[in-house]
């Protein structure tokens, strides 16, 4: 999945995600490619029953569908604002 999202492999994804988080905290901005990778990973993990929480979301996160979609939408808006 990490390669599909655009990373070299899973360890590259973990390493780069820490770097992305540091840049966001420091500057509030990240490169467009990293933003797209991060948003895609978040969307997959929220919704996919194969690669993410999917139908087990309530058990793994405590969020029902309405709360999870609301949170996902807030994340998407926040990521969109980082882009511009």
PDB file of N, CA and C in Angstrom:
ATOM      1  N   UNK A   1       0.830  -1.188   0.000  1.00  0.00           N
ATOM      2  CA  UNK A   1       0.000   0.000   0.000  1.00  0.00           C
ATOM      3  C   UNK A   1       0.875   1.253   0.000  1.00  0.00           C
ATOM      4  N   UNK A   2       1.991   1.211   0.726  1.00  0.00           N
ATOM      5  CA  UNK A   2       2.889   2.368   0.774  1.00  0.00           C
ATOM      6  C   UNK A   2       3.390   2.727  -0.623  1.00  0.00           C
ATOM      7  N   UNK A   3       3.718   1.720  -1.417  1.00  0.00           N
ATOM      8  CA  UNK A   3       4.195   1.961  -2.784  1.00  0.00           C
ATOM      9  C   UNK A   3       3.071   2.547  -3.634  1.00  0.00           C
ATOM     10  N   UNK A   4       1.859   2.041  -3.486  1.00  0.00           N
ATOM     11  CA  UNK A   4       0.706   2.567  -4.214  1.00  0.00           C
ATOM     12  C   UNK A   4       0.496   4.046  -3.906  1.00  0.00           C
ATOM     13  N   UNK A   5       0.683   4.415  -2.651  1.00  0.00           N
ATOM     14  CA  UNK A   5       0.482   5.800  -2.231  1.00  0.00           C
ATOM     15  C   UNK A   5       1.595   6.705  -2.751  1.00  0.00           C
ATOM     16  N   UNK A   6       2.763   6.128  -3.047  1.00  0.00           N
ATOM     17  CA  UNK A   6       3.840   6.929  -3.621  1.00  0.00           C
ATOM     18  C   UNK A   6       5.141   6.901  -2.860  1.00  0.00           C
ATOM     19  N   UNK A   7       5.240   6.051  -1.858  1.00  0.00           N
ATOM     20  CA  UNK A   7       6.481   5.907  -1.110  1.00  0.00           C
ATOM     21  C   UNK A   7       7.288   4.746  -1.692  1.00  0.00           C
ATOM     22  N   UNK A   8       8.563   4.683  -1.363  1.00  0.00           N
ATOM     23  CA  UNK A   8       9.407   3.599  -1.847  1.00  0.00           C
ATOM     24  C   UNK A   8       8.980   2.263  -1.263  1.00  0.00           C
ATOM     25  N   UNK A   9       8.725   2.244   0.043  1.00  0.00           N
ATOM     26  CA  UNK A   9       8.279   1.042   0.748  1.00  0.00           C
ATOM     27  C   UNK A   9       7.698   1.485   2.090  1.00  0.00           C
ATOM     28  N   UNK A  10       7.325   0.525   2.923  1.00  0.00           N
ATOM     29  CA  UNK A  10       6.677   0.858   4.203  1.00  0.00           C
ATOM     30  C   UNK A  10       7.608   1.637   5.133  1.00  0.00           C
ATOM     31  N   UNK A  11       8.878   1.269   5.187  1.00  0.00           N
ATOM     32  CA  UNK A  11       9.796   1.986   6.083  1.00  0.00           C
ATOM     33  C   UNK A  11      10.030   3.412   5.589  1.00  0.00           C
ATOM     34  N   UNK A  12      10.068   3.611   4.267  1.00  0.00           N
ATOM     35  CA  UNK A  12      10.180   4.958   3.710  1.00  0.00           C
ATOM     36  C   UNK A  12       8.962   5.785   4.093  1.00  0.00           C
ATOM     37  N   UNK A  13       7.777   5.168   4.051  1.00  0.00           N
ATOM     38  CA  UNK A  13       6.555   5.876   4.419  1.00  0.00           C
ATOM     39  C   UNK A  13       6.612   6.337   5.872  1.00  0.00           C
ATOM     40  N   UNK A  14       6.999   5.457   6.766  1.00  0.00           N
ATOM     41  CA  UNK A  14       7.070   5.819   8.190  1.00  0.00           C
ATOM     42  C   UNK A  14       8.062   6.954   8.392  1.00  0.00           C
ATOM     43  N   UNK A  15       9.243   6.812   7.820  1.00  0.00           N
ATOM     44  CA  UNK A  15      10.284   7.829   7.975  1.00  0.00           C
ATOM     45  C   UNK A  15       9.833   9.175   7.422  1.00  0.00           C
ATOM     46  N   UNK A  16       9.267   9.158   6.228  1.00  0.00           N
ATOM     47  CA  UNK A  16       8.847  10.412   5.610  1.00  0.00           C
ATOM     48  C   UNK A  16       7.644  11.026   6.301  1.00  0.00           C
ATOM     49  N   UNK A  17       6.764  10.202   6.846  1.00  0.00           N
ATOM     50  CA  UNK A  17       5.609  10.750   7.570  1.00  0.00           C
ATOM     51  C   UNK A  17       6.039  11.521   8.815  1.00  0.00           C
ATOM     52  N   UNK A  18       7.053  11.019   9.509  1.00  0.00           N
ATOM     53  CA  UNK A  18       7.582  11.777  10.651  1.00  0.00           C
ATOM     54  C   UNK A  18       8.144  13.118  10.188  1.00  0.00           C
ATOM     55  N   UNK A  19       8.838  13.116   9.067  1.00  0.00           N
ATOM     56  CA  UNK A  19       9.369  14.366   8.516  1.00  0.00           C
ATOM     57  C   UNK A  19       8.270  15.319   8.098  1.00  0.00           C
ATOM     58  N   UNK A  20       7.226  14.791   7.493  1.00  0.00           N
ATOM     59  CA  UNK A  20       6.086  15.619   7.088  1.00  0.00           C
ATOM     60  C   UNK A  20       5.432  16.254   8.312  1.00  0.00           C
ATOM     61  N   UNK A  21       5.214  15.454   9.344  1.00  0.00           N
ATOM     62  CA  UNK A  21       4.592  15.978  10.571  1.00  0.00           C
ATOM     63  C   UNK A  21       5.455  17.072  11.192  1.00  0.00           C
ATOM     64  N   UNK A  22       6.774  16.888  11.195  1.00  0.00           N
ATOM     65  CA  UNK A  22       7.676  17.916  11.735  1.00  0.00           C
ATOM     66  C   UNK A  22       7.573  19.211  10.937  1.00  0.00           C
ATOM     67  N   UNK A  23       7.532  19.105   9.601  1.00  0.00           N
ATOM     68  CA  UNK A  23       7.417  20.307   8.764  1.00  0.00           C
ATOM     69  C   UNK A  23       6.095  21.031   8.999  1.00  0.00           C
ATOM     70  N   UNK A  24       5.011  20.270   9.136  1.00  0.00           N
ATOM     71  CA  UNK A  24       3.712  20.908   9.375  1.00  0.00           C
ATOM     72  C   UNK A  24       3.737  21.660  10.701  1.00  0.00           C
ATOM     73  N   UNK A  25       4.301  21.022  11.739  1.00  0.00           N
ATOM     74  CA  UNK A  25       4.378  21.699  13.044  1.00  0.00           C
ATOM     75  C   UNK A  25       5.265  22.938  12.972  1.00  0.00           C
ATOM     76  N   UNK A  26       6.339  22.846  12.231  1.00  0.00           N
ATOM     77  CA  UNK A  26       7.306  23.947  12.172  1.00  0.00           C
ATOM     78  C   UNK A  26       6.839  25.068  11.246  1.00  0.00           C
ATOM     79  N   UNK A  27       6.413  24.722  10.036  1.00  0.00           N
ATOM     80  CA  UNK A  27       6.117  25.724   9.014  1.00  0.00           C
ATOM     81  C   UNK A  27       4.645  25.855   8.661  1.00  0.00           C
ATOM     82  N   UNK A  28       3.856  24.829   8.971  1.00  0.00           N
ATOM     83  CA  UNK A  28       2.451  24.836   8.578  1.00  0.00           C
ATOM     84  C   UNK A  28       2.242  24.513   7.113  1.00  0.00           C
ATOM     85  N   UNK A  29       3.312  24.136   6.413  1.00  0.00           N
ATOM     86  CA  UNK A  29       3.215  23.816   4.987  1.00  0.00           C
ATOM     87  C   UNK A  29       4.031  22.576   4.669  1.00  0.00           C
ATOM     88  N   UNK A  30       3.572  21.852   3.654  1.00  0.00           N
ATOM     89  CA  UNK A  30       4.326  20.700   3.161  1.00  0.00           C
ATOM     90  C   UNK A  30       4.262  20.683   1.638  1.00  0.00           C
ATOM     91  N   UNK A  31       5.135  19.918   1.032  1.00  0.00           N
ATOM     92  CA  UNK A  31       5.147  19.814  -0.426  1.00  0.00           C
ATOM     93  C   UNK A  31       3.846  19.179  -0.907  1.00  0.00           C
ATOM     94  N   UNK A  32       3.418  19.575  -2.097  1.00  0.00           N
ATOM     95  CA  UNK A  32       2.155  19.098  -2.642  1.00  0.00           C
ATOM     96  C   UNK A  32       2.118  17.572  -2.747  1.00  0.00           C
ATOM     97  N   UNK A  33       3.214  16.962  -3.186  1.00  0.00           N
ATOM     98  CA  UNK A  33       3.242  15.495  -3.316  1.00  0.00           C
ATOM     99  C   UNK A  33       3.054  14.826  -1.960  1.00  0.00           C
ATOM    100  N   UNK A  34       3.684  15.367  -0.912  1.00  0.00           N
ATOM    101  CA  UNK A  34       3.532  14.798   0.429  1.00  0.00           C
ATOM    102  C   UNK A  34       2.125  15.005   0.957  1.00  0.00           C
ATOM    103  N   UNK A  35       1.548  16.134   0.640  1.00  0.00           N
ATOM    104  CA  UNK A  35       0.170  16.402   1.054  1.00  0.00           C
ATOM    105  C   UNK A  35      -0.785  15.388   0.419  1.00  0.00           C
ATOM    106  N   UNK A  36      -0.608  15.143  -0.868  1.00  0.00           N
ATOM    107  CA  UNK A  36      -1.474  14.185  -1.560  1.00  0.00           C
ATOM    108  C   UNK A  36      -1.284  12.778  -1.009  1.00  0.00           C
ATOM    109  N   UNK A  37      -0.028  12.388  -0.745  1.00  0.00           N
ATOM    110  CA  UNK A  37       0.234  11.072  -0.163  1.00  0.00           C
ATOM    111  C   UNK A  37      -0.435  10.944   1.198  1.00  0.00           C
ATOM    112  N   UNK A  38      -0.294  11.967   2.013  1.00  0.00           N
ATOM    113  CA  UNK A  38      -0.888  11.935   3.351  1.00  0.00           C
ATOM    114  C   UNK A  38      -2.394  11.873   3.316  1.00  0.00           C
ATOM    115  N   UNK A  39      -2.994  12.652   2.440  1.00  0.00           N
ATOM    116  CA  UNK A  39      -4.455  12.643   2.352  1.00  0.00           C
ATOM    117  C   UNK A  39      -4.953  11.303   1.834  1.00  0.00           C
ATOM    118  N   UNK A  40      -4.299  10.750   0.830  1.00  0.00           N
ATOM    119  CA  UNK A  40      -4.713   9.451   0.304  1.00  0.00           C
ATOM    120  C   UNK A  40      -4.595   8.373   1.366  1.00  0.00           C
ATOM    121  N   UNK A  41      -3.493   8.369   2.109  1.00  0.00           N
ATOM    122  CA  UNK A  41      -3.312   7.384   3.182  1.00  0.00           C
ATOM    123  C   UNK A  41      -4.427   7.504   4.219  1.00  0.00           C
ATOM    124  N   UNK A  42      -4.760   8.732   4.596  1.00  0.00           N
ATOM    125  CA  UNK A  42      -5.813   8.967   5.586  1.00  0.00           C
ATOM    126  C   UNK A  42      -7.157   8.463   5.072  1.00  0.00           C
ATOM    127  N   UNK A  43      -7.475   8.770   3.826  1.00  0.00           N
ATOM    128  CA  UNK A  43      -8.752   8.343   3.264  1.00  0.00           C
ATOM    129  C   UNK A  43      -8.843   6.821   3.183  1.00  0.00           C
ATOM    130  N   UNK A  44      -7.752   6.174   2.797  1.00  0.00           N
ATOM    131  CA  UNK A  44      -7.742   4.710   2.721  1.00  0.00           C
ATOM    132  C   UNK A  44      -7.905   4.112   4.112  1.00  0.00           C
ATOM    133  N   UNK A  45      -7.164   4.619   5.074  1.00  0.00           N
ATOM    134  CA  UNK A  45      -7.217   4.063   6.424  1.00  0.00           C
ATOM    135  C   UNK A  45      -8.571   4.275   7.080  1.00  0.00           C
ATOM    136  N   UNK A  46      -9.238   5.370   6.766  1.00  0.00           N
ATOM    137  CA  UNK A  46     -10.565   5.620   7.324  1.00  0.00           C
ATOM    138  C   UNK A  46     -11.609   4.683   6.748  1.00  0.00           C
ATOM    139  N   UNK A  47     -11.513   4.425   5.436  1.00  0.00           N
ATOM    140  CA  UNK A  47     -12.641   3.773   4.787  1.00  0.00           C
ATOM    141  C   UNK A  47     -12.424   2.328   4.371  1.00  0.00           C
ATOM    142  N   UNK A  48     -11.202   1.930   4.116  1.00  0.00           N
ATOM    143  CA  UNK A  48     -10.957   0.595   3.570  1.00  0.00           C
ATOM    144  C   UNK A  48     -11.084  -0.489   4.633  1.00  0.00           C
ATOM    145  N   UNK A  49     -11.864  -1.495   4.318  1.00  0.00           N
ATOM    146  CA  UNK A  49     -11.983  -2.640   5.222  1.00  0.00           C
ATOM    147  C   UNK A  49     -10.800  -3.596   5.030  1.00  0.00           C
ATOM    148  N   UNK A  50     -10.072  -3.454   3.924  1.00  0.00           N
ATOM    149  CA  UNK A  50      -8.908  -4.297   3.660  1.00  0.00           C
ATOM    150  C   UNK A  50      -7.644  -3.670   4.240  1.00  0.00           C
ATOM    151  N   UNK A  51      -7.430  -2.370   4.013  1.00  0.00           N
ATOM    152  CA  UNK A  51      -6.187  -1.713   4.416  1.00  0.00           C
ATOM    153  C   UNK A  51      -6.346  -0.783   5.618  1.00  0.00           C
ATOM    154  N   UNK A  52      -7.538  -0.600   6.098  1.00  0.00           N
ATOM    155  CA  UNK A  52      -7.749   0.333   7.199  1.00  0.00           C
ATOM    156  C   UNK A  52      -8.739  -0.208   8.208  1.00  0.00           C
ATOM    157  N   UNK A  53      -9.359   0.694   8.944  1.00  0.00           N
ATOM    158  CA  UNK A  53     -10.326   0.293   9.959  1.00  0.00           C
ATOM    159  C   UNK A  53     -11.631  -0.185   9.363  1.00  0.00           C
ATOM    160  N   UNK A  54     -12.087   0.479   8.309  1.00  0.00           N
ATOM    161  CA  UNK A  54     -13.307   0.061   7.619  1.00  0.00           C
ATOM    162  C   UNK A  54     -14.457  -0.245   8.552  1.00  0.00           C
ATOM    163  N   UNK A  55     -14.994  -1.447   8.440  1.00  0.00           N
ATOM    164  CA  UNK A  55     -16.160  -1.835   9.239  1.00  0.00           C
ATOM    165  C   UNK A  55     -15.833  -1.999  10.722  1.00  0.00           C
ATOM    166  N   UNK A  56     -14.561  -2.123  11.059  1.00  0.00           N
ATOM    167  CA  UNK A  56     -14.145  -2.257  12.458  1.00  0.00           C
ATOM    168  C   UNK A  56     -13.842  -0.909  13.109  1.00  0.00           C
ATOM    169  N   UNK A  57     -14.130   0.182  12.411  1.00  0.00           N
ATOM    170  CA  UNK A  57     -13.774   1.510  12.897  1.00  0.00           C
ATOM    171  C   UNK A  57     -14.291   1.796  14.306  1.00  0.00           C
ATOM    172  N   UNK A  58     -15.523   1.427  14.591  1.00  0.00           N
ATOM    173  CA  UNK A  58     -16.074   1.689  15.927  1.00  0.00           C
ATOM    174  C   UNK A  58     -15.227   0.984  16.984  1.00  0.00           C
ATOM    175  N   UNK A  59     -14.840  -0.257  16.728  1.00  0.00           N
ATOM    176  CA  UNK A  59     -14.033  -1.009  17.697  1.00  0.00           C
ATOM    177  C   UNK A  59     -12.614  -0.481  17.792  1.00  0.00           C
ATOM    178  N   UNK A  60     -12.048  -0.041  16.673  1.00  0.00           N
ATOM    179  CA  UNK A  60     -10.648   0.401  16.700  1.00  0.00           C
ATOM    180  C   UNK A  60     -10.467   1.865  17.055  1.00  0.00           C
ATOM    181  N   UNK A  61     -11.486   2.691  16.797  1.00  0.00           N
ATOM    182  CA  UNK A  61     -11.340   4.128  17.054  1.00  0.00           C
ATOM    183  C   UNK A  61     -12.357   4.694  18.031  1.00  0.00           C
ATOM    184  N   UNK A  62     -13.470   3.984  18.202  1.00  0.00           N
ATOM    185  CA  UNK A  62     -14.547   4.524  19.031  1.00  0.00           C
ATOM    186  C   UNK A  62     -15.446   5.498  18.279  1.00  0.00           C
ATOM    187  N   UNK A  63     -15.202   5.684  16.975  1.00  0.00           N
ATOM    188  CA  UNK A  63     -15.993   6.617  16.174  1.00  0.00           C
ATOM    189  C   UNK A  63     -17.034   5.863  15.358  1.00  0.00           C
ATOM    190  N   UNK A  64     -18.284   6.311  15.436  1.00  0.00           N
ATOM    191  CA  UNK A  64     -19.283   5.724  14.550  1.00  0.00           C
ATOM    192  C   UNK A  64     -19.123   6.350  13.162  1.00  0.00           C
ATOM    193  N   UNK A  65     -19.895   5.875  12.197  1.00  0.00           N
ATOM    194  CA  UNK A  65     -19.726   6.354  10.824  1.00  0.00           C
ATOM    195  C   UNK A  65     -19.888   7.864  10.705  1.00  0.00           C
ATOM    196  N   UNK A  66     -20.903   8.422  11.333  1.00  0.00           N
ATOM    197  CA  UNK A  66     -21.146   9.862  11.225  1.00  0.00           C
ATOM    198  C   UNK A  66     -19.982  10.657  11.801  1.00  0.00           C
ATOM    199  N   UNK A  67     -19.487  10.261  12.967  1.00  0.00           N
ATOM    200  CA  UNK A  67     -18.345  10.960  13.574  1.00  0.00           C
ATOM    201  C   UNK A  67     -17.090  10.797  12.734  1.00  0.00           C
ATOM    202  N   UNK A  68     -16.871   9.586  12.198  1.00  0.00           N
ATOM    203  CA  UNK A  68     -15.675   9.323  11.395  1.00  0.00           C
ATOM    204  C   UNK A  68     -15.689  10.143  10.110  1.00  0.00           C
ATOM    205  N   UNK A  69     -16.823  10.198   9.433  1.00  0.00           N
ATOM    206  CA  UNK A  69     -16.903  10.987   8.196  1.00  0.00           C
ATOM    207  C   UNK A  69     -16.733  12.468   8.504  1.00  0.00           C
ATOM    208  N   UNK A  70     -17.321  12.931   9.590  1.00  0.00           N
ATOM    209  CA  UNK A  70     -17.136  14.324   9.985  1.00  0.00           C
ATOM    210  C   UNK A  70     -15.670  14.645  10.233  1.00  0.00           C
ATOM    211  N   UNK A  71     -14.976  13.756  10.927  1.00  0.00           N
ATOM    212  CA  UNK A  71     -13.551  13.949  11.189  1.00  0.00           C
ATOM    213  C   UNK A  71     -12.751  13.903   9.889  1.00  0.00           C
ATOM    214  N   UNK A  72     -13.058  12.943   9.022  1.00  0.00           N
ATOM    215  CA  UNK A  72     -12.367  12.852   7.738  1.00  0.00           C
ATOM    216  C   UNK A  72     -12.559  14.129   6.931  1.00  0.00           C
ATOM    217  N   UNK A  73     -13.761  14.664   6.905  1.00  0.00           N
ATOM    218  CA  UNK A  73     -14.009  15.911   6.166  1.00  0.00           C
ATOM    219  C   UNK A  73     -13.202  17.066   6.760  1.00  0.00           C
ATOM    220  N   UNK A  74     -13.102  17.154   8.075  1.00  0.00           N
ATOM    221  CA  UNK A  74     -12.303  18.217   8.704  1.00  0.00           C
ATOM    222  C   UNK A  74     -10.826  18.072   8.334  1.00  0.00           C
ATOM    223  N   UNK A  75     -10.340  16.839   8.297  1.00  0.00           N
ATOM    224  CA  UNK A  75      -8.956  16.589   7.895  1.00  0.00           C
ATOM    225  C   UNK A  75      -8.751  17.006   6.440  1.00  0.00           C
ATOM    226  N   UNK A  76      -9.706  16.650   5.574  1.00  0.00           N
ATOM    227  CA  UNK A  76      -9.585  17.014   4.166  1.00  0.00           C
ATOM    228  C   UNK A  76      -9.551  18.536   3.986  1.00  0.00           C
ATOM    229  N   UNK A  77     -10.385  19.247   4.706  1.00  0.00           N
ATOM    230  CA  UNK A  77     -10.395  20.715   4.614  1.00  0.00           C
ATOM    231  C   UNK A  77      -9.084  21.283   5.138  1.00  0.00           C
ATOM    232  N   UNK A  78      -8.603  20.751   6.250  1.00  0.00           N
ATOM    233  CA  UNK A  78      -7.338  21.222   6.798  1.00  0.00           C
ATOM    234  C   UNK A  78      -6.201  20.978   5.807  1.00  0.00           C
ATOM    235  N   UNK A  79      -6.195  19.825   5.166  1.00  0.00           N
ATOM    236  CA  UNK A  79      -5.147  19.522   4.193  1.00  0.00           C
ATOM    237  C   UNK A  79      -5.278  20.414   2.972  1.00  0.00           C
ATOM    238  N   UNK A  80      -6.499  20.708   2.556  1.00  0.00           N
ATOM    239  CA  UNK A  80      -6.715  21.616   1.436  1.00  0.00           C
ATOM    240  C   UNK A  80      -6.165  22.997   1.783  1.00  0.00           C
ATOM    241  N   UNK A  81      -6.379  23.456   2.996  1.00  0.00           N
ATOM    242  CA  UNK A  81      -5.875  24.762   3.422  1.00  0.00           C
ATOM    243  C   UNK A  81      -4.350  24.775   3.482  1.00  0.00           C
ATOM    244  N   UNK A  82      -3.717  23.647   3.772  1.00  0.00           N
ATOM    245  CA  UNK A  82      -2.259  23.584   3.758  1.00  0.00           C
ATOM    246  C   UNK A  82      -1.722  23.738   2.348  1.00  0.00           C
ATOM    247  N   UNK A  83      -2.527  23.342   1.385  1.00  0.00           N
ATOM    248  CA  UNK A  83      -2.092  23.368  -0.015  1.00  0.00           C
ATOM    249  C   UNK A  83      -2.020  24.792  -0.549  1.00  0.00           C
ATOM    250  N   UNK A  84      -2.845  25.693  -0.037  1.00  0.00           N
ATOM    251  CA  UNK A  84      -2.894  27.044  -0.608  1.00  0.00           C
ATOM    252  C   UNK A  84      -2.394  28.090   0.339  1.00  0.00           C
TER     253      UNK A  84
END
